[in-house]
Amino acid sequence: MADDIADISPIDLATELTIAWLGNPNSRVNAEEVPAFIQAMYATVTALAGPGAIVAEPVTSAGYEPAVTERKSLGSKEHIISLIDGKPYKTLRRHLWAHGLTPDEYRARYGLKSDYPMVAPAYSEVRRQMAKSNGLARKPGVRMTAKPATSDTPAPKAPRGRPKKNA
């Protein structure tokens, strides 16, 4: 196995790794990113294959510049403006997922506090009201009771469960 890898040229190995990376359904790639990836992959493979096998330090990109300020992103109760592209969203989770980020990574990337919201306040309130109307806010074992009947005599209770078989 080790001999097989030693016989492969760095170009072929970089090509195979790039094909695998592009073939992964979880990697979302723009066409502009492919040449840079190929060059980085080739440089890494040749450095590893060369004598001494010294790995170069990874290139760190400059800090991410937010599209809007944190204050402006939370300026409306109806939406949250993304720091990535400056567009308004009711919830950021799908948007972040499309960019390959988790909420924690997003907060870390832009230096946000750990309690920075991912959902707009108005949308959160709408969802809360919908959940309450569907009965999701009840405590276990507590039944929702209907308004009492206007007559003085209570309605007869229906038998519960299956009727018993007569033997």
Protein backbone atom coordinates (compact mmCIF):
# COMPACT_ATOMS: atom_id res chain seq x y z
CA MET A 1 0.00 0.00 0.00
CA ALA A 2 2.80 2.41 0.92
CA ASP A 3 4.62 1.52 -2.30
CA ASP A 4 1.51 2.29 -4.34
CA ILE A 5 1.25 5.78 -2.87
CA ALA A 6 4.94 6.46 -3.44
CA ASP A 7 4.55 5.63 -7.16
CA ILE A 8 1.70 8.14 -7.70
CA SER A 9 2.77 11.55 -8.95
CA PRO A 10 1.81 14.61 -6.89
CA ILE A 11 -0.33 15.88 -9.77
CA ASP A 12 -2.35 12.65 -9.90
CA LEU A 13 -2.76 12.60 -6.14
CA ALA A 14 -3.86 16.25 -6.05
CA THR A 15 -6.31 15.51 -8.88
CA GLU A 16 -7.80 12.51 -7.04
CA LEU A 17 -8.20 14.51 -3.84
CA THR A 18 -9.86 17.38 -5.71
CA ILE A 19 -12.28 15.00 -7.45
CA ALA A 20 -13.21 13.47 -4.10
CA TRP A 21 -13.72 16.92 -2.59
CA LEU A 22 -15.94 18.08 -5.48
CA GLY A 23 -17.85 14.79 -5.46
CA ASN A 24 -18.85 15.17 -1.82
CA PRO A 25 -22.52 16.24 -1.71
CA ASN A 26 -21.93 18.10 1.56
CA SER A 27 -19.36 20.49 0.09
CA ARG A 28 -20.89 23.50 -1.59
CA VAL A 29 -18.31 25.05 -3.85
CA ASN A 30 -18.26 28.04 -6.15
CA ALA A 31 -16.41 27.70 -9.44
CA GLU A 32 -13.98 30.42 -8.32
CA GLU A 33 -12.80 28.31 -5.37
CA VAL A 34 -11.74 25.25 -7.39
CA PRO A 35 -8.44 26.56 -8.89
CA ALA A 36 -7.26 27.83 -5.51
CA PHE A 37 -8.11 24.47 -3.95
CA ILE A 38 -6.21 22.59 -6.66
CA GLN A 39 -3.13 24.78 -6.17
CA ALA A 40 -3.25 24.39 -2.39
CA MET A 41 -3.71 20.63 -2.71
CA TYR A 42 -0.80 20.33 -5.16
CA ALA A 43 1.48 22.42 -2.91
CA THR A 44 0.58 20.28 0.10
CA VAL A 45 1.09 16.99 -1.73
CA THR A 46 4.46 18.04 -3.17
CA ALA A 47 5.61 19.31 0.23
CA LEU A 48 4.65 16.00 1.84
CA ALA A 49 6.27 13.97 -0.94
CA GLY A 50 9.50 15.99 -0.94
CA PRO A 51 12.59 15.33 1.20
CA GLY A 52 12.20 16.34 4.81
CA ALA A 53 8.41 16.46 4.44
CA ILE A 54 8.05 19.87 6.05
CA VAL A 55 4.45 20.99 6.15
CA ALA A 56 3.93 24.67 5.42
CA GLU A 57 1.89 26.75 7.83
CA PRO A 58 -1.74 27.03 6.73
CA VAL A 59 -2.65 30.33 5.15
CA THR A 60 -4.84 32.29 7.52
CA SER A 61 -7.27 34.63 5.88
CA ALA A 62 -7.90 38.06 7.25
CA GLY A 63 -10.71 38.46 9.76
CA TYR A 64 -14.17 38.38 8.30
CA GLU A 65 -15.64 41.81 7.75
CA PRO A 66 -19.36 41.97 8.63
CA ALA A 67 -21.73 43.36 5.98
CA VAL A 68 -23.53 45.46 8.63
CA THR A 69 -22.91 46.34 12.24
CA GLU A 70 -24.19 44.15 15.04
CA ARG A 71 -26.51 46.92 16.17
CA LYS A 72 -28.01 47.32 12.69
CA SER A 73 -28.43 43.55 12.31
CA LEU A 74 -30.74 43.56 15.36
CA GLY A 75 -32.41 46.88 14.53
CA SER A 76 -35.80 45.43 13.56
CA LYS A 77 -38.12 43.08 15.43
CA GLU A 78 -39.36 41.65 12.12
CA HIS A 79 -36.03 40.27 10.89
CA ILE A 80 -32.33 39.81 11.64
CA ILE A 81 -29.85 41.09 9.08
CA SER A 82 -27.11 38.60 8.28
CA LEU A 83 -23.56 39.76 8.88
CA ILE A 84 -22.47 37.54 5.98
CA ASP A 85 -24.43 39.13 3.14
CA GLY A 86 -26.47 41.96 4.71
CA LYS A 87 -29.85 40.46 3.80
CA PRO A 88 -32.80 40.19 6.24
CA TYR A 89 -33.94 36.79 7.53
CA LYS A 90 -36.60 35.70 10.02
CA THR A 91 -34.30 32.92 11.16
CA LEU A 92 -30.59 32.53 10.42
CA ARG A 93 -30.23 28.77 10.87
CA ARG A 94 -30.83 27.73 7.25
CA HIS A 95 -28.80 30.67 5.96
CA LEU A 96 -25.86 29.69 8.16
CA TRP A 97 -26.20 26.04 7.17
CA ALA A 98 -26.02 27.06 3.48
CA HIS A 99 -22.70 28.78 4.26
CA GLY A 100 -21.41 25.76 6.20
CA LEU A 101 -21.60 27.42 9.62
CA THR A 102 -23.16 26.58 12.94
CA PRO A 103 -24.59 29.35 15.13
CA ASP A 104 -21.57 29.08 17.44
CA GLU A 105 -19.13 29.36 14.52
CA TYR A 106 -21.07 32.37 13.20
CA ARG A 107 -20.89 34.07 16.58
CA ALA A 108 -17.18 33.31 16.87
CA ARG A 109 -16.42 34.51 13.33
CA TYR A 110 -17.90 37.96 13.99
CA GLY A 111 -17.08 38.23 17.68
CA LEU A 112 -20.71 38.15 18.85
CA LYS A 113 -21.90 37.38 22.36
CA SER A 114 -23.12 33.87 23.12
CA ASP A 115 -26.70 35.13 23.53
CA TYR A 116 -26.87 36.75 20.06
CA PRO A 117 -30.26 35.64 18.67
CA MET A 118 -30.67 33.43 15.63
CA VAL A 119 -34.42 34.14 15.29
CA ALA A 120 -36.20 37.49 14.88
CA PRO A 121 -38.27 38.47 17.95
CA ALA A 122 -41.54 38.88 16.00
CA TYR A 123 -41.14 35.47 14.36
CA SER A 124 -40.34 33.90 17.71
CA GLU A 125 -43.53 35.39 19.18
CA VAL A 126 -45.64 34.07 16.30
CA ARG A 127 -44.20 30.59 16.78
CA ARG A 128 -44.76 30.79 20.55
CA GLN A 129 -48.43 31.73 20.08
CA MET A 130 -48.90 28.92 17.56
CA ALA A 131 -47.38 26.39 19.96
CA LYS A 132 -49.60 27.57 22.81
CA SER A 133 -52.72 27.34 20.65
CA ASN A 134 -51.76 23.77 19.70
CA GLY A 135 -51.40 22.85 23.37
CA LEU A 136 -47.64 22.42 23.37
CA ALA A 137 -47.14 24.72 26.36
CA ARG A 138 -49.16 22.58 28.78
CA LYS A 139 -47.57 20.71 31.61
CA PRO A 140 -47.79 16.91 31.41
CA GLY A 141 -50.93 15.50 32.98
CA VAL A 142 -52.89 18.77 32.83
CA ARG A 143 -55.89 18.63 30.54
CA MET A 144 -57.38 21.53 28.72
CA THR A 145 -60.92 21.93 30.01
CA ALA A 146 -63.80 23.31 28.01
CA LYS A 147 -65.93 26.11 29.36
CA PRO A 148 -68.59 24.80 31.77
CA ALA A 149 -72.05 24.10 30.39
CA THR A 150 -74.79 26.60 31.18
CA SER A 151 -77.20 24.00 32.57
CA ASP A 152 -77.13 23.03 36.25
CA THR A 153 -76.78 19.30 35.62
CA PRO A 154 -73.46 18.02 34.36
CA ALA A 155 -73.36 16.11 31.09
CA PRO A 156 -73.11 12.31 31.49
CA LYS A 157 -69.64 10.89 31.08
CA ALA A 158 -68.99 8.45 28.28
CA PRO A 159 -67.46 5.12 29.32
CA ARG A 160 -63.72 4.90 28.74
CA GLY A 161 -61.91 2.07 27.01
CA ARG A 162 -63.34 -0.97 25.28
CA PRO A 163 -66.65 -2.44 26.31
CA LYS A 164 -66.28 -5.61 28.37
CA LYS A 165 -67.20 -8.93 26.79
CA ASN A 166 -70.11 -10.77 28.35
CA ALA A 167 -69.13 -14.33 29.17
